[in-house]
Structure formats: C-alpha cells, structure tokens
Protein backbone atom coordinates (compact mmCIF):
# COMPACT_ATOMS: atom_id res chain seq x y z
CA UNK A 1 0.03 -0.01 0.08
CA UNK A 2 1.25 3.35 -0.76
CA UNK A 3 -0.59 6.64 0.61
CA UNK A 4 -0.27 9.82 -1.50
CA UNK A 5 -1.54 13.12 -0.02
CA UNK A 6 -2.30 15.90 -2.95
CA UNK A 7 -2.46 19.63 -1.81
CA UNK A 8 -2.69 22.24 -4.72
CA UNK A 9 -3.01 25.71 -5.43
CA UNK A 10 -1.49 27.17 -2.29
CA UNK A 11 -1.28 30.67 -3.68
CA UNK A 12 1.05 31.78 -1.10
CA UNK A 13 1.47 35.55 -1.10
CA UNK A 14 4.16 37.81 0.91
CA UNK A 15 4.08 37.43 4.71
CA UNK A 16 1.52 39.50 6.42
CA UNK A 17 -0.52 40.04 3.14
CA UNK A 18 -3.93 38.56 1.97
CA UNK A 19 -4.53 37.00 -1.38
CA UNK A 20 -6.79 39.42 -3.40
CA UNK A 21 -6.87 41.50 -0.02
CA UNK A 22 -9.38 38.80 1.36
CA UNK A 23 -7.86 35.14 1.43
CA UNK A 24 -5.32 34.04 4.35
CA UNK A 25 -3.85 31.57 2.10
CA UNK A 26 -0.97 31.32 4.64
CA UNK A 27 -3.49 30.29 7.48
CA UNK A 28 -5.09 27.87 5.16
CA UNK A 29 -2.02 25.96 4.22
CA UNK A 30 -1.05 25.74 7.70
CA UNK A 31 -4.17 24.14 8.52
CA UNK A 32 -3.77 21.68 5.86
CA UNK A 33 -0.30 20.95 6.96
CA UNK A 34 -1.64 20.21 10.66
CA UNK A 35 -4.38 17.83 9.19
CA UNK A 36 -1.80 16.07 7.15
CA UNK A 37 0.57 15.59 10.05
CA UNK A 38 -2.42 14.27 12.26
CA UNK A 39 -3.52 11.41 9.73
CA UNK A 40 -3.04 7.93 10.78
CA UNK A 41 -1.48 6.24 9.04
CA UNK A 42 0.90 8.86 7.90
CA UNK A 43 1.14 9.55 4.12
CA UNK A 44 4.15 8.22 2.51
CA UNK A 45 4.65 11.30 0.39
CA UNK A 46 2.95 14.74 -0.03
CA UNK A 47 2.50 16.04 -3.69
CA UNK A 48 1.74 19.86 -4.07
CA UNK A 49 0.74 19.99 -7.79
CA UNK A 50 1.74 23.77 -8.58
CA UNK A 51 0.37 27.42 -8.27
CA UNK A 52 2.55 27.33 -4.88
CA UNK A 53 2.66 31.11 -4.83
CA UNK A 54 1.03 34.05 -6.34
CA UNK A 55 3.93 36.05 -7.28
CA UNK A 56 7.13 34.03 -7.75
CA UNK A 57 10.09 35.24 -6.00
CA UNK A 58 12.35 34.60 -3.08
CA UNK A 59 10.22 36.01 -0.71
CA UNK A 60 7.07 33.97 -1.43
CA UNK A 61 8.94 30.88 -2.10
CA UNK A 62 10.78 31.26 1.49
CA UNK A 63 7.12 31.99 2.90
CA UNK A 64 5.83 28.83 1.31
CA UNK A 65 8.82 26.54 2.29
CA UNK A 66 8.29 27.86 6.10
CA UNK A 67 4.68 26.64 5.79
CA UNK A 68 5.51 23.10 4.62
CA UNK A 69 8.54 22.73 6.59
CA UNK A 70 6.62 21.14 9.44
CA UNK A 71 5.30 18.48 7.25
CA UNK A 72 6.40 14.86 8.60
CA UNK A 73 6.18 13.23 5.18
CA UNK A 74 8.31 13.81 2.33
CA UNK A 75 7.25 16.69 0.08
CA UNK A 76 7.62 17.16 -3.55
CA UNK A 77 6.39 20.12 -5.44
CA UNK A 78 5.26 20.79 -8.94
CA UNK A 79 5.27 24.49 -11.07
CA UNK A 80 1.85 26.01 -12.03
CA UNK A 81 1.12 28.91 -14.06
CA UNK A 82 1.71 31.24 -11.34
CA UNK A 83 5.29 29.56 -10.46
CA UNK A 84 8.25 30.11 -12.39
CA UNK A 85 10.15 26.81 -12.75
CA UNK A 86 13.66 28.26 -13.00
CA UNK A 87 13.09 30.25 -9.77
CA UNK A 88 11.77 27.15 -7.88
CA UNK A 89 14.77 25.29 -9.28
CA UNK A 90 17.27 27.77 -7.92
CA UNK A 91 15.47 28.41 -4.62
CA UNK A 92 14.90 24.60 -3.74
CA UNK A 93 18.02 23.35 -5.05
CA UNK A 94 19.18 22.56 -1.31
CA UNK A 95 16.28 20.52 -0.74
CA UNK A 96 14.79 17.24 -2.14
CA UNK A 97 11.55 18.77 -2.92
CA UNK A 98 12.08 19.71 -6.62
CA UNK A 99 14.57 16.97 -7.91
CA UNK A 100 14.18 18.04 -11.61
CA UNK A 101 15.85 17.49 -14.75
CA UNK A 102 16.68 20.60 -17.15
CA UNK A 103 15.46 21.91 -19.30
CA UNK A 104 12.07 20.39 -18.97
CA UNK A 105 11.66 20.94 -15.18
CA UNK A 106 10.29 17.25 -14.75
CA UNK A 107 11.00 14.45 -12.64
CA UNK A 108 10.54 10.93 -11.27
CA UNK A 109 10.20 9.52 -7.80
CA UNK A 110 10.88 5.73 -7.74
CA UNK A 111 11.05 5.28 -4.21
CA UNK A 112 7.39 3.53 -3.29
CA UNK A 113 5.44 0.63 -4.57
CA UNK A 114 3.88 3.26 -7.11
CA UNK A 115 6.22 5.30 -9.54
CA UNK A 116 5.50 9.06 -9.46
CA UNK A 117 6.11 11.16 -12.79
CA UNK A 118 5.90 14.93 -12.05
CA UNK A 119 5.39 16.97 -15.43
CA UNK A 120 5.61 20.57 -16.06
CA UNK A 121 2.68 22.22 -17.88
CA UNK A 122 3.93 26.06 -17.11
CA UNK A 123 3.71 28.35 -20.14
CA UNK A 124 5.46 31.44 -19.56
CA UNK A 125 3.44 34.78 -19.07
CA UNK A 126 -0.01 32.69 -19.52
CA UNK A 127 -2.74 30.97 -17.44
CA UNK A 128 -2.77 28.34 -19.97
CA UNK A 129 -1.08 25.11 -20.24
CA UNK A 130 1.98 24.07 -22.60
CA UNK A 131 3.58 20.63 -23.18
CA UNK A 132 6.06 20.72 -26.07
CA UNK A 133 8.01 18.43 -27.99
CA UNK A 134 11.13 18.42 -25.31
CA UNK A 135 8.75 17.56 -22.43
CA UNK A 136 6.66 15.01 -24.35
CA UNK A 137 10.18 13.15 -25.54
CA UNK A 138 11.28 12.99 -21.68
CA UNK A 139 7.66 11.49 -20.69
CA UNK A 140 7.99 8.99 -23.42
CA UNK A 141 11.39 7.93 -22.45
CA UNK A 142 10.56 7.78 -18.72
CA UNK A 143 7.57 5.72 -19.14
CA UNK A 144 9.71 3.28 -21.36
CA UNK A 145 12.23 2.83 -18.54
CA UNK A 146 9.66 0.98 -16.21
CA UNK A 147 6.47 -1.02 -16.31
CA UNK A 148 6.21 -0.22 -12.44
CA UNK A 149 2.60 0.97 -11.54
CA UNK A 150 2.59 4.69 -12.34
CA UNK A 151 0.94 7.96 -11.11
CA UNK A 152 1.23 11.04 -13.21
CA UNK A 153 1.08 14.26 -11.67
CA UNK A 154 0.69 17.77 -13.50
CA UNK A 155 -0.81 21.18 -12.57
CA UNK A 156 -3.21 21.61 -15.48
CA UNK A 157 -6.03 19.12 -16.24
CA UNK A 158 -5.23 16.97 -19.13
CA UNK A 159 -8.69 16.58 -19.80
CA UNK A 160 -11.97 18.19 -20.99
CA UNK A 161 -13.85 19.41 -17.84
CA UNK A 162 -16.85 20.92 -19.23
CA UNK A 163 -15.88 24.38 -17.50
CA UNK A 164 -15.26 26.88 -20.03
CA UNK A 165 -12.71 28.90 -18.34
CA UNK A 166 -10.73 25.70 -17.70
CA UNK A 167 -10.98 24.22 -21.33
CA UNK A 168 -10.56 27.35 -23.16
CA UNK A 169 -7.06 26.19 -24.43
CA UNK A 170 -8.73 23.23 -26.39
CA UNK A 171 -7.46 19.53 -25.91
CA UNK A 172 -4.74 19.49 -28.33
CA UNK A 173 -2.03 20.47 -25.67
CA UNK A 174 -2.35 17.18 -24.20
CA UNK A 175 -2.89 14.84 -27.27
CA UNK A 176 0.66 13.68 -27.05
CA UNK A 177 0.27 12.98 -23.24
CA UNK A 178 -2.95 10.93 -23.93
CA UNK A 179 -1.04 8.85 -26.78
CA UNK A 180 1.74 8.06 -24.52
CA UNK A 181 -0.55 6.93 -21.79
CA UNK A 182 -2.59 4.66 -24.32
CA UNK A 183 0.79 2.78 -24.93
CA UNK A 184 1.76 2.30 -21.35
CA UNK A 185 -0.79 0.58 -19.20
CA UNK A 186 1.23 0.83 -16.01
CA UNK A 187 -0.26 4.42 -15.80
CA UNK A 188 -3.08 3.93 -13.23
CA UNK A 189 -3.97 7.54 -12.13
CA UNK A 190 -3.41 11.21 -13.32
CA UNK A 191 -3.75 13.96 -10.68
CA UNK A 192 -3.85 17.89 -11.17
CA UNK A 193 -5.05 21.02 -10.00
CA UNK A 194 -5.62 24.44 -11.36
CA UNK A 195 -9.31 24.54 -11.65
CA UNK A 196 -9.87 25.31 -7.98
CA UNK A 197 -12.78 22.72 -7.85
CA UNK A 198 -12.78 19.06 -7.74
CA UNK A 199 -13.69 17.23 -10.99
CA UNK A 200 -13.02 13.46 -11.82
CA UNK A 201 -12.52 12.80 -15.82
CA UNK A 202 -10.25 10.50 -18.14
CA UNK A 203 -7.42 10.84 -20.17
CA UNK A 204 -7.33 8.05 -22.81
CA UNK A 205 -8.44 5.21 -20.62
CA UNK A 206 -6.90 6.34 -17.29
CA UNK A 207 -8.79 8.38 -14.55
CA UNK A 208 -7.88 12.08 -13.94
CA UNK A 209 -8.54 13.64 -10.54
CA UNK A 210 -8.37 17.48 -10.19
CA UNK A 211 -8.42 18.47 -6.57
CA UNK A 212 -10.05 21.66 -5.18
CA UNK A 213 -7.70 24.50 -3.96
CA UNK A 214 -6.16 24.78 -0.59
CA UNK A 215 -6.40 28.67 -1.11
CA UNK A 216 -9.95 29.06 -2.37
CA UNK A 217 -12.60 27.59 -4.73
CA UNK A 218 -13.96 28.94 -7.98
CA UNK A 219 -17.71 27.76 -8.47
CA UNK A 220 -18.42 27.51 -12.21
CA UNK A 221 -21.32 26.63 -14.26
CA UNK A 222 -21.16 23.42 -16.80
CA UNK A 223 -22.04 24.20 -20.38
CA UNK A 224 -22.31 27.97 -19.89
CA UNK A 225 -19.48 30.23 -20.56
CA UNK A 226 -19.99 32.19 -17.46
CA UNK A 227 -17.31 33.79 -14.98
CA UNK A 228 -16.86 31.49 -12.06
CA UNK A 229 -17.92 32.69 -8.43
CA UNK A 230 -15.29 33.28 -5.69
CA UNK A 231 -15.62 31.00 -2.57
CA UNK A 232 -12.94 31.86 -0.03
CA UNK A 233 -13.18 28.42 1.85
CA UNK A 234 -10.39 25.76 1.17
CA UNK A 235 -10.65 22.01 0.53
CA UNK A 236 -9.19 19.26 2.60
CA UNK A 237 -6.01 17.37 1.74
CA UNK A 238 -6.75 14.49 -1.21
CA UNK A 239 -5.65 11.07 -0.38
CA UNK A 240 -4.61 8.82 -3.24
CA UNK A 241 -4.42 5.25 -1.94
CA UNK A 242 -2.80 2.65 -3.83
CA UNK A 243 -3.92 -0.85 -3.22
CA UNK A 244 -3.32 -4.12 -5.21
CA UNK A 245 -6.26 -3.43 -7.63
CA UNK A 246 -5.50 0.23 -8.29
CA UNK A 247 -6.10 3.75 -6.87
CA UNK A 248 -8.70 4.87 -4.56
CA UNK A 249 -9.04 8.70 -4.42
CA UNK A 250 -10.95 11.40 -2.34
CA UNK A 251 -10.85 14.22 0.27
CA UNK A 252 -9.53 13.32 3.34
CA UNK A 253 -10.08 15.90 6.07
CA UNK A 254 -8.55 15.04 9.46
CA UNK A 255 -9.98 17.29 12.30
CA UNK A 256 -8.21 17.60 15.71
CA UNK A 257 -11.22 15.64 17.38
CA UNK A 258 -11.05 12.63 15.20
CA UNK A 259 -9.78 10.33 17.76
CA UNK A 260 -12.20 11.15 20.41
CA UNK A 261 -15.25 10.91 17.96
CA UNK A 262 -14.41 7.41 17.06
CA UNK A 263 -17.83 5.38 16.93
CA UNK A 264 -16.29 2.60 19.28
CA UNK A 265 -15.19 5.11 21.78
CA UNK A 266 -18.37 7.01 21.90
CA UNK A 267 -20.67 3.94 21.77
CA UNK A 268 -18.43 1.98 24.39
CA UNK A 269 -18.54 -1.05 22.30
CA UNK A 270 -15.41 -2.69 21.03
CA UNK A 271 -14.50 -2.15 17.25
CA UNK A 272 -14.50 -6.04 16.60
CA UNK A 273 -17.94 -6.28 18.10
CA UNK A 274 -19.13 -3.46 16.01
CA UNK A 275 -17.62 -5.20 12.85
CA UNK A 276 -19.49 -8.13 13.62
CA UNK A 277 -22.65 -6.45 14.06
CA UNK A 278 -22.05 -4.61 10.63
CA UNK A 279 -21.68 -8.43 9.16
CA UNK A 280 -25.02 -9.49 10.60
CA UNK A 281 -26.08 -13.10 9.66
CA UNK A 282 -23.33 -13.17 6.74
CA UNK A 283 -20.98 -15.27 9.12
C-alpha cells in the first residue's frame, strides 16, 4: 500500500498579506499541514501540484517553504502557471522537494510501490498550459524505462472538464500525453489542480483527479461560458491510496477531534464487536 496526499493551488503571498486582499492563504496551508501531520497512518509522500505562490520570487517561495517545513512526510512540488520553474529550481536546489531534470523541469520518484512522474505544464506569461516536444520526449523515455504502476502528476488538467474557463485552450495541448498513456498500461492515475474545484474525468483510458484548492474555490457553471464565483473556503487534503487493484482517491480531512469521536469510543462497544454487528448473518 502507498499513501499519497495531494495539496494544490496554495497561492502563498508575501508574509502578512492576503490574497486579493481577502484570503489568508498562509493560514489555510498551515491548517492543511496540521491535518496531514495528524493523519493515521501517515502518508508516504505529499505532492503539491502547482501554483505554490501567487507572485514567484524569493520572498514568496521562502514563505511557502516555511509553511510546509513542518510536514512529517517527504514533500515534492510541481510548477503551476503562477510559478516560475527556473526560480523554483534555484530556490529549492538545497532540498529534495524539486529534483528536476533541465530543461524540462520534470522529475520521477521511484522510492515507493508506485512510481510518481511529475510533469511541467507551465507556459510563460500565461494562465494556459503548454507541453511541447521536449517535455513529451522526456515523458516517453521515462515511461519506457519501467513498467511499475505509475501515477502522473501535473498542474493543468489534461482532460475536457466541461468548465469553459478551464477548457478554453482546447484539448490539443495534451494529445501527446494521451497518446503516451494509451501505450503504457502501467499508468493508473493522473492527478492535477488548477481549476480550484474537484472534478474527475479521463485521459485515454486512465482516470484524472482534479483536486480543489487549498487557497480558495471557483464555483463555475457547466456548459455555459460564465465567469466563476469566488469562494474563500479551502478544500481538505486529498488522499490517493494505492492498493493491489489500483488507486482509490478522495477528500481526506483529519480534524483535531477525530480520535475522540471514533464510534467505538463514543458507543463504548469494542470495534471488533461493532464489525461483527455490521456483518450480521453473513458469518
């Protein structure tokens, strides 16, 4: 079993500032970090899938790093459209968080039962994604190197979501990724962020899980090209659990009171007895 926690779109700003003058993204990330550290069992790894900061630079990346430093599990980070991969590479060069190969700024983690491939969809001076021939060739060679079960992480969603402001670039940008996934059945799951809402879709024959934002949400219509509404609430961490038959994914909040509210403790009935009641006459 491998436990992978995903956080995304943290949008950390300069210390003491609020995002758009109204969202305390630092407090939201600190709360998410505390939730992850409290999880039992602990995750094997935490992936933060882009838009780490709002304004990429030494001050904001230092603020971000100070907020995730308390995480007990190993942390790996991906660039989003608000990031600058070259600045990330320089700032995090003394850590294990961003072990990229240049010039693609992509990397692979092979330390777990599941292989993790981190892709770069950043496009300079644009909210939109990019995945050119050099990045695609790197992905092709990386997938060819191992048939181990694989999770691919990327910032932008490589799928049609039905949300116009996310899909406005079209589907062509991820055609090459889809073709590679179709040729490599070891790819079991693709995870992403960017949309500030949770949506599940597919690329080729593989599920794509787009997680909501640690910073804030965007509530969008489906099928109509309207501007989304802004929701200041964060979403909980997402847990991607690898079991023998594949991935099981979903929101995984872990509030401070979780242990005292366990149903065996509240009912005074031993957990094994409660499970036997659940089985009923089946045994």
